[in-house]
PDB file of N, CA and C in Angstrom:
ATOM      1  N   MET A   1      19.176  50.925   2.140  1.00  0.00           N
ATOM      2  CA  MET A   1      18.012  50.207   2.594  1.00  0.00           C
ATOM      3  C   MET A   1      16.859  51.151   2.928  1.00  0.00           C
ATOM      4  N   GLY A   2      17.140  52.323   3.418  1.00  0.00           N
ATOM      5  CA  GLY A   2      16.104  53.268   3.821  1.00  0.00           C
ATOM      6  C   GLY A   2      15.301  53.774   2.638  1.00  0.00           C
ATOM      7  N   LEU A   3      15.964  53.989   1.488  1.00  0.00           N
ATOM      8  CA  LEU A   3      15.270  54.496   0.299  1.00  0.00           C
ATOM      9  C   LEU A   3      14.311  53.445  -0.270  1.00  0.00           C
ATOM     10  N   ILE A   4      14.711  52.199  -0.257  1.00  0.00           N
ATOM     11  CA  ILE A   4      13.858  51.125  -0.769  1.00  0.00           C
ATOM     12  C   ILE A   4      12.607  50.991   0.099  1.00  0.00           C
ATOM     13  N   ARG A   5      12.792  51.126   1.420  1.00  0.00           N
ATOM     14  CA  ARG A   5      11.644  51.026   2.328  1.00  0.00           C
ATOM     15  C   ARG A   5      10.657  52.172   2.094  1.00  0.00           C
ATOM     16  N   VAL A   6      11.157  53.387   1.879  1.00  0.00           N
ATOM     17  CA  VAL A   6      10.287  54.537   1.619  1.00  0.00           C
ATOM     18  C   VAL A   6       9.527  54.336   0.312  1.00  0.00           C
ATOM     19  N   ILE A   7      10.212  53.851  -0.705  1.00  0.00           N
ATOM     20  CA  ILE A   7       9.560  53.602  -1.998  1.00  0.00           C
ATOM     21  C   ILE A   7       8.482  52.525  -1.838  1.00  0.00           C
ATOM     22  N   PHE A   8       8.783  51.469  -1.096  1.00  0.00           N
ATOM     23  CA  PHE A   8       7.813  50.409  -0.861  1.00  0.00           C
ATOM     24  C   PHE A   8       6.591  50.940  -0.109  1.00  0.00           C
ATOM     25  N   GLU A   9       6.798  51.759   0.915  1.00  0.00           N
ATOM     26  CA  GLU A   9       5.687  52.333   1.682  1.00  0.00           C
ATOM     27  C   GLU A   9       4.842  53.260   0.818  1.00  0.00           C
ATOM     28  N   LEU A  10       5.492  54.053  -0.026  1.00  0.00           N
ATOM     29  CA  LEU A  10       4.747  54.921  -0.935  1.00  0.00           C
ATOM     30  C   LEU A  10       3.917  54.097  -1.927  1.00  0.00           C
ATOM     31  N   PHE A  11       4.481  53.001  -2.408  1.00  0.00           N
ATOM     32  CA  PHE A  11       3.765  52.123  -3.326  1.00  0.00           C
ATOM     33  C   PHE A  11       2.541  51.502  -2.639  1.00  0.00           C
ATOM     34  N   VAL A  12       2.707  51.052  -1.399  1.00  0.00           N
ATOM     35  CA  VAL A  12       1.594  50.475  -0.647  1.00  0.00           C
ATOM     36  C   VAL A  12       0.524  51.537  -0.402  1.00  0.00           C
ATOM     37  N   LEU A  13       0.915  52.754  -0.052  1.00  0.00           N
ATOM     38  CA  LEU A  13      -0.045  53.832   0.144  1.00  0.00           C
ATOM     39  C   LEU A  13      -0.794  54.151  -1.149  1.00  0.00           C
ATOM     40  N   TYR A  14      -0.092  54.138  -2.264  1.00  0.00           N
ATOM     41  CA  TYR A  14      -0.714  54.366  -3.560  1.00  0.00           C
ATOM     42  C   TYR A  14      -1.745  53.283  -3.873  1.00  0.00           C
ATOM     43  N   LEU A  15      -1.387  52.021  -3.596  1.00  0.00           N
ATOM     44  CA  LEU A  15      -2.325  50.927  -3.822  1.00  0.00           C
ATOM     45  C   LEU A  15      -3.558  51.056  -2.929  1.00  0.00           C
ATOM     46  N   LEU A  16      -3.369  51.443  -1.680  1.00  0.00           N
ATOM     47  CA  LEU A  16      -4.507  51.661  -0.776  1.00  0.00           C
ATOM     48  C   LEU A  16      -5.389  52.796  -1.283  1.00  0.00           C
ATOM     49  N   TYR A  17      -4.772  53.872  -1.737  1.00  0.00           N
ATOM     50  CA  TYR A  17      -5.518  55.003  -2.292  1.00  0.00           C
ATOM     51  C   TYR A  17      -6.361  54.559  -3.483  1.00  0.00           C
ATOM     52  N   LYS A  18      -5.753  53.817  -4.416  1.00  0.00           N
ATOM     53  CA  LYS A  18      -6.471  53.344  -5.597  1.00  0.00           C
ATOM     54  C   LYS A  18      -7.603  52.395  -5.205  1.00  0.00           C
ATOM     55  N   LEU A  19      -7.341  51.538  -4.237  1.00  0.00           N
ATOM     56  CA  LEU A  19      -8.366  50.600  -3.798  1.00  0.00           C
ATOM     57  C   LEU A  19      -9.559  51.340  -3.213  1.00  0.00           C
ATOM     58  N   ILE A  20      -9.288  52.312  -2.366  1.00  0.00           N
ATOM     59  CA  ILE A  20     -10.368  53.038  -1.700  1.00  0.00           C
ATOM     60  C   ILE A  20     -11.151  53.886  -2.678  1.00  0.00           C
ATOM     61  N   PHE A  21     -10.476  54.704  -3.470  1.00  0.00           N
ATOM     62  CA  PHE A  21     -11.165  55.675  -4.319  1.00  0.00           C
ATOM     63  C   PHE A  21     -11.630  55.122  -5.665  1.00  0.00           C
ATOM     64  N   ASP A  22     -11.044  54.028  -6.120  1.00  0.00           N
ATOM     65  CA  ASP A  22     -11.468  53.465  -7.404  1.00  0.00           C
ATOM     66  C   ASP A  22     -12.353  52.234  -7.254  1.00  0.00           C
ATOM     67  N   PHE A  23     -12.437  51.669  -6.049  1.00  0.00           N
ATOM     68  CA  PHE A  23     -13.242  50.471  -5.874  1.00  0.00           C
ATOM     69  C   PHE A  23     -14.254  50.589  -4.745  1.00  0.00           C
ATOM     70  N   ILE A  24     -13.794  50.859  -3.544  1.00  0.00           N
ATOM     71  CA  ILE A  24     -14.669  50.824  -2.370  1.00  0.00           C
ATOM     72  C   ILE A  24     -15.725  51.926  -2.412  1.00  0.00           C
ATOM     73  N   ILE A  25     -15.342  53.151  -2.670  1.00  0.00           N
ATOM     74  CA  ILE A  25     -16.304  54.257  -2.691  1.00  0.00           C
ATOM     75  C   ILE A  25     -17.326  54.097  -3.814  1.00  0.00           C
ATOM     76  N   PRO A  26     -16.929  53.768  -5.055  1.00  0.00           N
ATOM     77  CA  PRO A  26     -17.960  53.555  -6.086  1.00  0.00           C
ATOM     78  C   PRO A  26     -18.906  52.397  -5.768  1.00  0.00           C
ATOM     79  N   VAL A  27     -18.393  51.322  -5.201  1.00  0.00           N
ATOM     80  CA  VAL A  27     -19.251  50.196  -4.838  1.00  0.00           C
ATOM     81  C   VAL A  27     -20.230  50.628  -3.752  1.00  0.00           C
ATOM     82  N   TYR A  28     -19.784  51.389  -2.788  1.00  0.00           N
ATOM     83  CA  TYR A  28     -20.655  51.885  -1.716  1.00  0.00           C
ATOM     84  C   TYR A  28     -21.757  52.779  -2.282  1.00  0.00           C
ATOM     85  N   LYS A  29     -21.386  53.695  -3.169  1.00  0.00           N
ATOM     86  CA  LYS A  29     -22.383  54.601  -3.753  1.00  0.00           C
ATOM     87  C   LYS A  29     -23.400  53.835  -4.586  1.00  0.00           C
ATOM     88  N   THR A  30     -22.938  52.871  -5.360  1.00  0.00           N
ATOM     89  CA  THR A  30     -23.836  52.086  -6.197  1.00  0.00           C
ATOM     90  C   THR A  30     -24.784  51.258  -5.339  1.00  0.00           C
ATOM     91  N   THR A  31     -24.262  50.650  -4.296  1.00  0.00           N
ATOM     92  CA  THR A  31     -25.100  49.850  -3.402  1.00  0.00           C
ATOM     93  C   THR A  31     -26.165  50.708  -2.743  1.00  0.00           C
ATOM     94  N   LYS A  32     -25.773  51.888  -2.314  1.00  0.00           N
ATOM     95  CA  LYS A  32     -26.724  52.807  -1.681  1.00  0.00           C
ATOM     96  C   LYS A  32     -27.809  53.226  -2.671  1.00  0.00           C
ATOM     97  N   GLN A  33     -27.426  53.522  -3.898  1.00  0.00           N
ATOM     98  CA  GLN A  33     -28.372  53.949  -4.918  1.00  0.00           C
ATOM     99  C   GLN A  33     -29.335  52.813  -5.280  1.00  0.00           C
ATOM    100  N   VAL A  34     -28.815  51.598  -5.402  1.00  0.00           N
ATOM    101  CA  VAL A  34     -29.661  50.462  -5.750  1.00  0.00           C
ATOM    102  C   VAL A  34     -30.652  50.179  -4.629  1.00  0.00           C
ATOM    103  N   SER A  35     -30.203  50.238  -3.387  1.00  0.00           N
ATOM    104  CA  SER A  35     -31.127  49.973  -2.279  1.00  0.00           C
ATOM    105  C   SER A  35     -32.200  51.057  -2.194  1.00  0.00           C
ATOM    106  N   GLN A  36     -31.841  52.296  -2.513  1.00  0.00           N
ATOM    107  CA  GLN A  36     -32.825  53.378  -2.518  1.00  0.00           C
ATOM    108  C   GLN A  36     -33.859  53.149  -3.627  1.00  0.00           C
ATOM    109  N   LYS A  37     -33.403  52.744  -4.798  1.00  0.00           N
ATOM    110  CA  LYS A  37     -34.317  52.476  -5.910  1.00  0.00           C
ATOM    111  C   LYS A  37     -35.232  51.296  -5.586  1.00  0.00           C
ATOM    112  N   MET A  38     -34.694  50.276  -4.924  1.00  0.00           N
ATOM    113  CA  MET A  38     -35.520  49.132  -4.539  1.00  0.00           C
ATOM    114  C   MET A  38     -36.580  49.556  -3.530  1.00  0.00           C
ATOM    115  N   GLY A  39     -36.213  50.410  -2.598  1.00  0.00           N
ATOM    116  CA  GLY A  39     -37.185  50.916  -1.626  1.00  0.00           C
ATOM    117  C   GLY A  39     -38.277  51.716  -2.304  1.00  0.00           C
ATOM    118  N   ASP A  40     -37.905  52.550  -3.262  1.00  0.00           N
ATOM    119  CA  ASP A  40     -38.896  53.328  -4.015  1.00  0.00           C
ATOM    120  C   ASP A  40     -39.848  52.395  -4.773  1.00  0.00           C
ATOM    121  N   MET A  41     -39.284  51.359  -5.394  1.00  0.00           N
ATOM    122  CA  MET A  41     -40.099  50.432  -6.156  1.00  0.00           C
ATOM    123  C   MET A  41     -41.046  49.661  -5.231  1.00  0.00           C
ATOM    124  N   GLN A  42     -40.575  49.274  -4.058  1.00  0.00           N
ATOM    125  CA  GLN A  42     -41.442  48.564  -3.109  1.00  0.00           C
ATOM    126  C   GLN A  42     -42.570  49.477  -2.630  1.00  0.00           C
ATOM    127  N   ASN A  43     -42.262  50.747  -2.408  1.00  0.00           N
ATOM    128  CA  ASN A  43     -43.308  51.695  -2.012  1.00  0.00           C
ATOM    129  C   ASN A  43     -44.356  51.850  -3.104  1.00  0.00           C
ATOM    130  N   LYS A  44     -43.916  51.944  -4.351  1.00  0.00           N
ATOM    131  CA  LYS A  44     -44.855  52.060  -5.465  1.00  0.00           C
ATOM    132  C   LYS A  44     -45.721  50.814  -5.581  1.00  0.00           C
ATOM    133  N   MET A  45     -45.100  49.644  -5.393  1.00  0.00           N
ATOM    134  CA  MET A  45     -45.858  48.395  -5.466  1.00  0.00           C
ATOM    135  C   MET A  45     -46.894  48.321  -4.352  1.00  0.00           C
ATOM    136  N   SER A  46     -46.525  48.699  -3.152  1.00  0.00           N
ATOM    137  CA  SER A  46     -47.487  48.636  -2.047  1.00  0.00           C
ATOM    138  C   SER A  46     -48.619  49.643  -2.262  1.00  0.00           C
ATOM    139  N   ASP A  47     -48.301  50.822  -2.784  1.00  0.00           N
ATOM    140  CA  ASP A  47     -49.351  51.792  -3.104  1.00  0.00           C
ATOM    141  C   ASP A  47     -50.294  51.243  -4.173  1.00  0.00           C
ATOM    142  N   HIS A  48     -49.710  50.616  -5.180  1.00  0.00           N
ATOM    143  CA  HIS A  48     -50.512  50.045  -6.259  1.00  0.00           C
ATOM    144  C   HIS A  48     -51.420  48.935  -5.721  1.00  0.00           C
ATOM    145  N   LEU A  49     -50.880  48.072  -4.851  1.00  0.00           N
ATOM    146  CA  LEU A  49     -51.682  46.991  -4.281  1.00  0.00           C
ATOM    147  C   LEU A  49     -52.804  47.533  -3.397  1.00  0.00           C
ATOM    148  N   LYS A  50     -52.516  48.622  -2.672  1.00  0.00           N
ATOM    149  CA  LYS A  50     -53.557  49.246  -1.856  1.00  0.00           C
ATOM    150  C   LYS A  50     -54.671  49.792  -2.736  1.00  0.00           C
ATOM    151  N   GLN A  51     -54.299  50.414  -3.842  1.00  0.00           N
ATOM    152  CA  GLN A  51     -55.302  50.952  -4.758  1.00  0.00           C
ATOM    153  C   GLN A  51     -56.142  49.831  -5.359  1.00  0.00           C
ATOM    154  N   GLN A  52     -55.492  48.721  -5.713  1.00  0.00           N
ATOM    155  CA  GLN A  52     -56.219  47.591  -6.272  1.00  0.00           C
ATOM    156  C   GLN A  52     -57.172  46.996  -5.246  1.00  0.00           C
ATOM    157  N   SER A  53     -56.699  46.841  -4.017  1.00  0.00           N
ATOM    158  CA  SER A  53     -57.572  46.257  -2.997  1.00  0.00           C
ATOM    159  C   SER A  53     -58.741  47.193  -2.687  1.00  0.00           C
ATOM    160  N   ASN A  54     -58.495  48.505  -2.718  1.00  0.00           N
ATOM    161  CA  ASN A  54     -59.587  49.452  -2.511  1.00  0.00           C
ATOM    162  C   ASN A  54     -60.597  49.368  -3.647  1.00  0.00           C
ATOM    163  N   ALA A  55     -60.134  49.234  -4.864  1.00  0.00           N
ATOM    164  CA  ALA A  55     -61.031  49.130  -6.017  1.00  0.00           C
ATOM    165  C   ALA A  55     -61.827  47.836  -5.937  1.00  0.00           C
ATOM    166  N   GLN A  56     -61.193  46.727  -5.539  1.00  0.00           N
ATOM    167  CA  GLN A  56     -61.903  45.459  -5.424  1.00  0.00           C
ATOM    168  C   GLN A  56     -62.924  45.515  -4.301  1.00  0.00           C
ATOM    169  N   THR A  57     -62.583  46.185  -3.206  1.00  0.00           N
ATOM    170  CA  THR A  57     -63.519  46.325  -2.093  1.00  0.00           C
ATOM    171  C   THR A  57     -64.735  47.125  -2.530  1.00  0.00           C
ATOM    172  N   ASN A  58     -64.500  48.187  -3.282  1.00  0.00           N
ATOM    173  CA  ASN A  58     -65.612  49.014  -3.761  1.00  0.00           C
ATOM    174  C   ASN A  58     -66.515  48.227  -4.707  1.00  0.00           C
ATOM    175  N   THR A  59     -65.946  47.474  -5.623  1.00  0.00           N
ATOM    176  CA  THR A  59     -66.765  46.713  -6.565  1.00  0.00           C
ATOM    177  C   THR A  59     -67.469  45.566  -5.867  1.00  0.00           C
ATOM    178  N   SER A  60     -66.831  44.939  -4.884  1.00  0.00           N
ATOM    179  CA  SER A  60     -67.487  43.826  -4.194  1.00  0.00           C
ATOM    180  C   SER A  60     -68.635  44.329  -3.331  1.00  0.00           C
ATOM    181  N   THR A  61     -68.519  45.517  -2.753  1.00  0.00           N
ATOM    182  CA  THR A  61     -69.630  46.055  -1.969  1.00  0.00           C
ATOM    183  C   THR A  61     -70.773  46.455  -2.884  1.00  0.00           C
ATOM    184  N   GLU A  62     -70.461  46.909  -4.092  1.00  0.00           N
ATOM    185  CA  GLU A  62     -71.514  47.244  -5.043  1.00  0.00           C
ATOM    186  C   GLU A  62     -72.241  45.979  -5.493  1.00  0.00           C
ATOM    187  N   LYS A  63     -71.500  44.894  -5.719  1.00  0.00           N
ATOM    188  CA  LYS A  63     -72.106  43.644  -6.153  1.00  0.00           C
ATOM    189  C   LYS A  63     -72.877  43.008  -5.004  1.00  0.00           C
ATOM    190  N   ALA A  64     -72.418  43.161  -3.796  1.00  0.00           N
ATOM    191  CA  ALA A  64     -73.048  42.527  -2.646  1.00  0.00           C
ATOM    192  C   ALA A  64     -74.331  43.236  -2.240  1.00  0.00           C
ATOM    193  N   SER A  65     -74.516  44.456  -2.679  1.00  0.00           N
ATOM    194  CA  SER A  65     -75.737  45.169  -2.311  1.00  0.00           C
ATOM    195  C   SER A  65     -76.935  44.483  -2.980  1.00  0.00           C
ATOM    196  N   LYS A  66     -78.069  44.522  -2.318  1.00  0.00           N
ATOM    197  CA  LYS A  66     -79.263  43.845  -2.796  1.00  0.00           C
ATOM    198  C   LYS A  66     -79.775  44.549  -4.049  1.00  0.00           C
ATOM    199  N   PRO A  67     -79.957  43.797  -5.108  1.00  0.00           N
ATOM    200  CA  PRO A  67     -80.441  44.429  -6.337  1.00  0.00           C
ATOM    201  C   PRO A  67     -81.900  44.852  -6.183  1.00  0.00           C
ATOM    202  N   GLY A  68     -82.231  45.938  -6.835  1.00  0.00           N
ATOM    203  CA  GLY A  68     -83.595  46.448  -6.790  1.00  0.00           C
ATOM    204  C   GLY A  68     -84.511  45.636  -7.688  1.00  0.00           C
ATOM    205  N   LYS A  69     -85.810  45.889  -7.584  1.00  0.00           N
ATOM    206  CA  LYS A  69     -86.773  45.151  -8.382  1.00  0.00           C
ATOM    207  C   LYS A  69     -86.612  45.452  -9.877  1.00  0.00           C
ATOM    208  N   SER A  70     -86.163  46.642 -10.181  1.00  0.00           N
ATOM    209  CA  SER A  70     -86.013  47.011 -11.587  1.00  0.00           C
ATOM    210  C   SER A  70     -84.819  46.319 -12.245  1.00  0.00           C
ATOM    211  N   ASP A  71     -83.972  45.649 -11.457  1.00  0.00           N
ATOM    212  CA  ASP A  71     -82.815  44.964 -12.025  1.00  0.00           C
ATOM    213  C   ASP A  71     -83.178  43.606 -12.611  1.00  0.00           C
ATOM    214  N   TYR A  72     -84.372  43.112 -12.324  1.00  0.00           N
ATOM    215  CA  TYR A  72     -84.766  41.799 -12.813  1.00  0.00           C
ATOM    216  C   TYR A  72     -85.571  41.939 -14.098  1.00  0.00           C
ATOM    217  N   ILE A  73     -85.368  40.999 -14.998  1.00  0.00           N
ATOM    218  CA  ILE A  73     -86.130  40.958 -16.242  1.00  0.00           C
ATOM    219  C   ILE A  73     -87.068  39.763 -16.164  1.00  0.00           C
ATOM    220  N   GLU A  74     -88.345  40.031 -16.377  1.00  0.00           N
ATOM    221  CA  GLU A  74     -89.299  38.935 -16.334  1.00  0.00           C
ATOM    222  C   GLU A  74     -89.254  38.174 -17.632  1.00  0.00           C
ATOM    223  N   PHE A  75     -89.458  36.892 -17.532  1.00  0.00           N
ATOM    224  CA  PHE A  75     -89.492  36.050 -18.725  1.00  0.00           C
ATOM    225  C   PHE A  75     -90.493  34.946 -18.525  1.00  0.00           C
ATOM    226  N   GLU A  76     -90.934  34.405 -19.647  1.00  0.00           N
ATOM    227  CA  GLU A  76     -91.867  33.283 -19.605  1.00  0.00           C
ATOM    228  C   GLU A  76     -91.105  32.033 -19.945  1.00  0.00           C
ATOM    229  N   GLU A  77     -91.453  30.996 -19.274  1.00  0.00           N
ATOM    230  CA  GLU A  77     -90.798  29.727 -19.528  1.00  0.00           C
ATOM    231  C   GLU A  77     -91.384  29.109 -20.780  1.00  0.00           C
ATOM    232  N   VAL A  78     -90.541  28.695 -21.686  1.00  0.00           N
ATOM    233  CA  VAL A  78     -90.991  28.103 -22.951  1.00  0.00           C
ATOM    234  C   VAL A  78     -90.796  26.598 -22.846  1.00  0.00           C
ATOM    235  N   ARG A  79     -91.877  25.842 -23.246  1.00  0.00           N
ATOM    236  CA  ARG A  79     -91.797  24.387 -23.169  1.00  0.00           C
ATOM    237  C   ARG A  79     -91.802  23.771 -24.526  1.00  0.00           C
TER     238      ARG A  79
END
């Protein structure tokens, strides 16, 4: 009976080893890598949105400025 119990315990330990090193650790590493990539992508998106909003602010302030007299073209009304 003692030999069967030792073999069973070794088998259970082997299964735990395989579970940990072939499943849990790779899943943990992949999850960590994916979350890091998502964070990088979110940072790039926020930087891009900031650049776009800055560009829109610059163009809107240029458009909002009062045009000079030379910006107008005179025309005659035709009837």
